[in-house]
N, C-alpha and C. Protein backbone atom coordinates (compact mmCIF):
# COMPACT_ATOMS: atom_id res chain seq x y z
N UNK A 1 67.78 4.16 -15.55
CA UNK A 1 69.23 4.08 -16.09
C UNK A 1 70.22 4.34 -15.04
N UNK A 2 71.14 3.85 -14.63
CA UNK A 2 71.86 4.49 -14.11
C UNK A 2 73.36 4.88 -14.77
N UNK A 3 73.97 5.83 -15.04
CA UNK A 3 74.58 6.42 -16.33
C UNK A 3 75.91 6.77 -15.62
N UNK A 4 76.90 6.34 -15.36
CA UNK A 4 77.97 7.76 -14.65
C UNK A 4 78.01 8.85 -14.59
N UNK A 5 77.85 8.99 -15.48
CA UNK A 5 77.66 10.88 -16.02
C UNK A 5 76.07 10.91 -15.13
N UNK A 6 75.50 10.94 -15.47
CA UNK A 6 74.16 11.00 -14.59
C UNK A 6 74.38 11.12 -12.69
N UNK A 7 75.00 10.48 -12.28
CA UNK A 7 74.92 10.09 -10.95
C UNK A 7 76.14 11.03 -10.60
N UNK A 8 77.81 11.24 -11.12
CA UNK A 8 78.36 11.50 -10.70
C UNK A 8 77.29 13.40 -10.86
N UNK A 9 76.39 13.94 -11.65
CA UNK A 9 75.98 15.27 -11.70
C UNK A 9 74.97 14.99 -10.24
N UNK A 10 74.12 14.01 -10.20
CA UNK A 10 73.17 14.39 -9.16
C UNK A 10 74.03 14.53 -8.22
N UNK A 11 74.91 13.89 -7.90
CA UNK A 11 75.89 13.67 -6.58
C UNK A 11 76.23 15.12 -6.37
N UNK A 12 76.78 15.31 -7.48
CA UNK A 12 77.60 16.72 -7.24
C UNK A 12 76.42 17.65 -7.09
N UNK A 13 75.44 18.10 -7.27
CA UNK A 13 74.48 19.11 -7.45
C UNK A 13 73.92 18.72 -5.93
N UNK A 14 73.50 17.53 -5.51
CA UNK A 14 73.37 17.79 -4.07
C UNK A 14 74.34 17.95 -3.21
N UNK A 15 75.38 17.72 -3.70
CA UNK A 15 76.37 18.31 -2.08
C UNK A 15 76.47 19.58 -2.66
N UNK A 16 76.28 20.54 -4.05
CA UNK A 16 76.72 21.41 -3.54
C UNK A 16 75.65 22.31 -2.62
N UNK A 17 73.85 21.36 -3.12
CA UNK A 17 72.96 22.42 -2.45
C UNK A 17 73.16 22.42 -1.08
N UNK A 18 73.08 21.18 -0.48
CA UNK A 18 73.14 20.78 0.82
C UNK A 18 74.85 22.06 1.13
N UNK A 19 75.70 22.22 0.89
CA UNK A 19 76.54 23.11 0.92
C UNK A 19 75.81 24.99 1.33
N UNK A 20 75.27 25.23 -0.10
CA UNK A 20 74.85 26.43 -0.08
C UNK A 20 73.70 26.38 1.32
N UNK A 21 72.99 25.54 1.71
CA UNK A 21 72.06 25.53 2.32
C UNK A 21 72.58 25.44 4.11
N UNK A 22 73.62 24.91 4.21
CA UNK A 22 74.23 25.04 5.53
C UNK A 22 75.05 26.34 5.70
N UNK A 23 75.36 27.04 4.88
CA UNK A 23 76.59 28.08 4.49
C UNK A 23 76.12 29.34 5.41
N UNK A 24 74.52 29.81 5.65
CA UNK A 24 74.53 30.72 6.27
C UNK A 24 74.34 30.30 7.79
N UNK A 25 74.16 29.14 8.04
CA UNK A 25 73.75 28.41 9.64
C UNK A 25 75.34 28.46 10.55
N UNK A 26 76.51 27.95 9.13
CA UNK A 26 78.00 28.08 9.64
C UNK A 26 78.26 29.36 9.87
N UNK A 27 77.96 30.22 9.31
CA UNK A 27 78.69 31.96 8.97
C UNK A 27 77.88 32.32 10.39
N UNK A 28 76.74 32.11 10.57
CA UNK A 28 76.20 32.83 11.85
C UNK A 28 76.59 32.20 13.37
N UNK A 29 77.43 30.89 13.05
CA UNK A 29 77.86 30.21 14.52
C UNK A 29 79.36 30.19 14.55
N UNK A 30 80.03 31.27 13.51
CA UNK A 30 81.42 31.03 13.46
C UNK A 30 81.48 32.57 13.53
N UNK A 31 82.24 33.28 14.59
CA UNK A 31 82.14 34.47 14.78
C UNK A 31 82.79 35.08 13.65
N UNK A 32 84.06 35.05 13.32
CA UNK A 32 85.22 35.46 12.59
C UNK A 32 84.61 35.12 10.99
N UNK A 33 83.35 35.26 10.64
CA UNK A 33 82.91 34.68 9.20
C UNK A 33 82.84 36.17 9.01
N UNK A 34 82.77 35.93 7.26
CA UNK A 34 82.51 37.06 6.57
C UNK A 34 81.02 37.50 7.12
N UNK A 35 79.68 37.25 7.01
CA UNK A 35 78.63 37.56 7.51
C UNK A 35 78.53 37.94 8.85
N UNK A 36 79.07 37.60 9.90
CA UNK A 36 79.35 38.20 11.18
C UNK A 36 79.64 39.43 11.91
N UNK A 37 81.19 39.61 10.53
CA UNK A 37 82.29 41.11 10.54
C UNK A 37 82.14 41.11 12.48
N UNK A 38 82.74 39.97 13.04
CA UNK A 38 83.23 40.08 14.50
C UNK A 38 82.23 40.29 15.24
N UNK A 39 82.56 40.96 16.47
CA UNK A 39 81.70 41.45 17.19
C UNK A 39 80.66 42.27 17.26
N UNK A 40 80.76 43.26 16.22
CA UNK A 40 79.65 44.13 15.86
C UNK A 40 78.13 43.48 15.83
N UNK A 41 78.09 42.29 15.13
CA UNK A 41 77.23 42.06 14.37
C UNK A 41 76.12 40.82 15.52
N UNK A 42 76.91 41.18 16.77
CA UNK A 42 76.14 39.40 17.49
C UNK A 42 75.49 40.20 19.06
N UNK A 43 74.34 39.87 18.40
CA UNK A 43 73.07 40.99 19.78
C UNK A 43 73.68 39.93 21.11
N UNK A 44 73.72 40.98 22.28
CA UNK A 44 74.15 40.56 23.21
C UNK A 44 73.26 41.24 23.95
N UNK A 45 73.19 40.79 25.55
CA UNK A 45 71.63 40.87 26.01
C UNK A 45 72.91 42.39 27.37
N UNK A 46 74.29 42.09 27.25
CA UNK A 46 75.28 42.51 28.95
C UNK A 46 75.86 43.08 28.12
N UNK A 47 76.34 44.14 28.64
CA UNK A 47 77.71 44.58 28.09
C UNK A 47 79.11 43.85 29.48
N UNK A 48 80.44 44.05 28.64
CA UNK A 48 81.60 43.67 29.24
C UNK A 48 80.99 44.56 30.17
N UNK A 49 81.85 44.32 31.81
CA UNK A 49 82.63 44.53 32.59
C UNK A 49 83.56 45.51 31.90
N UNK A 50 83.83 46.85 31.87
CA UNK A 50 84.92 47.50 31.60
C UNK A 50 84.49 48.97 31.83
N UNK A 51 85.54 50.09 31.82
CA UNK A 51 85.01 51.24 31.54
C UNK A 51 84.12 51.94 30.91
N UNK A 52 83.56 52.99 31.15
CA UNK A 52 82.42 53.66 30.16
C UNK A 52 83.52 54.25 29.70
N UNK A 53 82.83 54.05 28.41
CA UNK A 53 83.15 55.13 27.19
C UNK A 53 82.85 56.82 27.27
N UNK A 54 83.95 57.36 26.55
CA UNK A 54 83.88 58.95 26.43
C UNK A 54 82.79 59.22 25.35
N UNK A 55 81.72 60.37 25.83
CA UNK A 55 81.16 61.02 24.58
C UNK A 55 81.07 62.35 24.21
N UNK A 56 80.27 62.58 23.86
CA UNK A 56 80.26 64.38 23.15
C UNK A 56 78.82 64.34 22.80
N UNK A 57 77.83 64.67 23.72
CA UNK A 57 76.24 64.92 23.10
C UNK A 57 76.54 66.13 21.96
N UNK A 58 75.22 65.75 20.22
CA UNK A 58 75.74 66.03 19.71
C UNK A 58 73.99 66.41 19.56
N UNK A 59 73.27 65.06 19.77
CA UNK A 59 72.10 65.44 19.23
C UNK A 59 71.05 64.70 20.39
N UNK A 60 69.81 64.88 20.56
CA UNK A 60 68.99 64.82 21.93
C UNK A 60 67.57 64.34 21.24
N UNK A 61 66.84 63.07 21.17
CA UNK A 61 65.45 63.06 20.17
C UNK A 61 64.58 62.18 21.60
N UNK A 62 64.49 63.05 22.43
CA UNK A 62 63.80 63.04 23.54
C UNK A 62 62.45 61.99 23.15
N UNK A 63 61.64 62.43 22.58
CA UNK A 63 60.62 61.95 21.90
C UNK A 63 61.11 60.57 21.58
N UNK A 64 61.68 59.86 20.53
CA UNK A 64 62.17 58.89 19.87
C UNK A 64 63.03 57.92 20.67
N UNK A 65 63.78 58.87 22.02
CA UNK A 65 64.39 58.19 22.88
C UNK A 65 65.86 57.78 22.31
N UNK A 66 66.25 58.81 21.57
CA UNK A 66 67.72 58.51 20.86
C UNK A 66 68.80 59.53 21.29
N UNK A 67 69.49 59.30 21.36
CA UNK A 67 70.75 59.90 21.13
C UNK A 67 71.89 59.84 20.31
N UNK A 68 72.45 60.88 19.87
CA UNK A 68 73.33 61.36 18.99
C UNK A 68 75.06 61.30 19.75
N UNK A 69 75.59 60.30 19.60
CA UNK A 69 77.36 60.50 20.12
C UNK A 69 78.36 60.76 19.39
N UNK A 70 79.06 60.96 19.54
CA UNK A 70 80.50 61.46 19.44
C UNK A 70 81.40 60.91 20.04
N UNK A 71 81.35 59.47 20.14
CA UNK A 71 82.28 58.50 21.13
C UNK A 71 83.94 58.19 20.88
N UNK A 72 84.42 57.86 21.87
CA UNK A 72 85.54 57.44 21.48
C UNK A 72 85.28 56.14 21.78
N UNK A 73 86.45 55.01 21.50
CA UNK A 73 86.50 53.62 21.64
C UNK A 73 85.05 53.22 21.94
N UNK A 74 84.85 52.37 22.11
CA UNK A 74 84.09 51.69 23.08
C UNK A 74 84.44 50.22 22.89
N UNK A 75 85.12 49.74 23.70
CA UNK A 75 85.76 48.38 24.27
C UNK A 75 84.97 47.21 23.80
N UNK A 76 83.65 47.41 24.69
CA UNK A 76 83.02 46.79 25.03
C UNK A 76 82.50 45.88 24.04
N UNK A 77 82.19 46.83 22.77
CA UNK A 77 81.51 46.72 21.98
C UNK A 77 82.82 46.55 20.82
N UNK A 78 84.22 46.37 20.84
CA UNK A 78 85.45 46.50 19.94
C UNK A 78 84.39 47.52 19.18
N UNK A 79 84.48 48.87 19.20
CA UNK A 79 83.77 49.78 18.34
C UNK A 79 84.68 51.04 18.17
N UNK A 80 84.85 51.36 17.28
CA UNK A 80 86.59 52.37 17.20
C UNK A 80 85.64 53.46 16.94
N UNK A 81 85.99 54.62 17.19
CA UNK A 81 85.84 55.74 18.03
C UNK A 81 84.89 56.79 16.18
N UNK A 82 83.56 57.27 16.49
CA UNK A 82 82.49 57.71 15.45
C UNK A 82 82.12 58.20 16.58
N UNK A 83 80.90 59.04 15.19
CA UNK A 83 79.30 59.63 15.78
C UNK A 83 78.61 58.82 15.40
N UNK A 84 77.23 58.45 16.28
CA UNK A 84 76.67 57.17 15.42
C UNK A 84 74.91 57.97 16.74
N UNK A 85 74.21 57.36 15.96
CA UNK A 85 73.08 57.19 17.30
C UNK A 85 72.93 55.96 17.63
N UNK A 86 72.57 56.31 19.18
CA UNK A 86 71.69 55.18 20.34
C UNK A 86 70.75 55.50 20.41
N UNK A 87 69.94 54.04 20.97
CA UNK A 87 68.67 54.37 21.63
C UNK A 87 69.38 54.16 23.00
N UNK A 88 68.03 54.36 23.92
CA UNK A 88 68.12 54.89 25.24
C UNK A 88 67.77 53.68 26.14
N UNK A 89 68.38 52.85 27.20
CA UNK A 89 67.36 52.06 27.95
C UNK A 89 66.15 52.50 28.42
N UNK A 90 66.49 54.01 29.11
CA UNK A 90 64.95 54.83 29.57
C UNK A 90 65.28 56.51 29.11
N UNK A 91 63.91 56.58 29.00
CA UNK A 91 63.80 58.28 27.91
C UNK A 91 64.24 59.15 28.90
N UNK A 92 64.31 58.79 30.14
CA UNK A 92 64.38 59.82 31.47
C UNK A 92 65.98 59.98 31.46
N UNK A 93 66.52 59.38 30.70
CA UNK A 93 68.06 59.72 30.76
C UNK A 93 67.90 60.68 29.73
N UNK A 94 67.68 61.23 28.51
CA UNK A 94 67.90 62.40 28.50
C UNK A 94 67.22 63.74 28.83
N UNK A 95 66.35 63.15 29.95
CA UNK A 95 65.60 64.81 30.77
C UNK A 95 66.74 65.99 30.68
N UNK A 96 68.05 65.54 31.39
CA UNK A 96 69.31 66.40 31.87
C UNK A 96 70.13 66.83 30.68
N UNK A 97 70.05 66.37 29.46
CA UNK A 97 71.09 66.69 28.10
C UNK A 97 70.84 67.19 26.75
N UNK A 98 72.07 67.88 27.00
CA UNK A 98 71.56 69.23 25.40
C UNK A 98 73.36 68.75 24.99
N UNK A 99 72.70 69.43 23.25
CA UNK A 99 74.03 69.08 22.83
C UNK A 99 75.25 69.70 23.16
N UNK A 100 76.46 69.17 23.39
CA UNK A 100 77.53 69.98 23.56
C UNK A 100 78.02 69.32 24.94
N UNK A 101 77.08 68.53 25.88
CA UNK A 101 77.55 67.67 27.15
C UNK A 101 78.48 66.92 26.75
N UNK A 102 79.48 66.51 27.89
CA UNK A 102 80.16 65.91 27.80
C UNK A 102 79.75 64.54 28.71
N UNK A 103 79.97 63.13 28.15
CA UNK A 103 79.36 62.18 29.38
C UNK A 103 80.30 60.89 29.24
N UNK A 104 80.00 60.13 29.84
CA UNK A 104 80.50 58.69 29.84
C UNK A 104 79.81 57.47 30.26
N UNK A 105 79.61 56.82 29.13
CA UNK A 105 78.21 55.81 29.38
C UNK A 105 78.91 54.31 28.64
N UNK A 106 78.00 53.33 29.01
CA UNK A 106 77.62 52.19 28.61
C UNK A 106 76.60 51.61 27.78
N UNK A 107 77.14 50.81 26.73
CA UNK A 107 76.20 50.40 25.71
C UNK A 107 76.63 49.37 25.75
N UNK A 108 75.23 48.65 25.06
CA UNK A 108 75.31 47.23 24.32
C UNK A 108 74.68 47.14 23.39
N UNK A 109 74.72 46.17 22.48
CA UNK A 109 74.32 45.67 21.24
C UNK A 109 73.11 44.74 21.39
N UNK A 110 71.86 45.44 21.65
CA UNK A 110 70.76 44.87 22.07
C UNK A 110 69.71 43.64 21.13
N UNK A 111 70.52 43.05 20.34
CA UNK A 111 69.78 42.12 18.95
C UNK A 111 70.11 43.37 17.89
N UNK A 112 71.02 44.37 17.88
CA UNK A 112 71.15 45.25 16.92
C UNK A 112 70.79 46.27 16.85
N UNK A 113 70.83 46.62 17.72
CA UNK A 113 70.00 48.01 18.82
C UNK A 113 70.89 48.37 19.83
N UNK A 114 72.08 49.51 19.17
CA UNK A 114 72.97 50.10 19.98
C UNK A 114 72.48 50.30 20.85
N UNK A 115 72.33 50.28 22.37
CA UNK A 115 71.42 50.83 23.58
C UNK A 115 72.77 51.54 24.70
N UNK A 116 72.41 52.59 24.89
CA UNK A 116 72.87 52.50 26.39
C UNK A 116 72.48 53.09 27.52
N UNK A 117 73.13 51.92 28.26
CA UNK A 117 72.38 50.81 29.53
C UNK A 117 72.62 52.58 30.80
N UNK A 118 73.72 53.23 30.87
CA UNK A 118 74.21 53.64 31.88
C UNK A 118 74.72 55.09 31.56
N UNK A 119 74.70 56.32 32.40
CA UNK A 119 75.16 57.49 31.50
C UNK A 119 75.54 58.20 32.78
N UNK A 120 76.24 58.82 32.91
CA UNK A 120 77.04 60.49 33.75
C UNK A 120 77.67 61.54 33.22
N UNK A 121 77.48 62.16 33.84
CA UNK A 121 78.07 63.50 33.62
C UNK A 121 79.65 63.40 33.69
N UNK A 122 80.55 64.00 32.43
CA UNK A 122 81.84 63.64 33.11
C UNK A 122 82.36 64.56 33.86
N UNK A 123 84.10 64.53 34.35
CA UNK A 123 84.04 65.60 35.46
C UNK A 123 85.00 66.71 34.69
């Protein structure tokens, strides 16, 4: 029996469930959406062509292939200045580094892993 209230409730429930199921897909496809938080969450395989960021080495983890840097703004990642841990593209990049060294570097967001791809000692 098609009672008007039953029909309305069924339709409303179907619309609600459809919207709920589509919300994560919509948020992922809209960069300004709450779930993406701008460019920080976007996985990218390449850094934008731009200047290298300034950094100061705080810690070197050769075995783990990680580098803790206090860095200036990283424009290619739309990231403010802060101290954070990066992985390095090649562990050999860490061989000559020690805490206190000043460097210039490029980093990318590789599927959520912030990775140093290039670096040089600062002048």
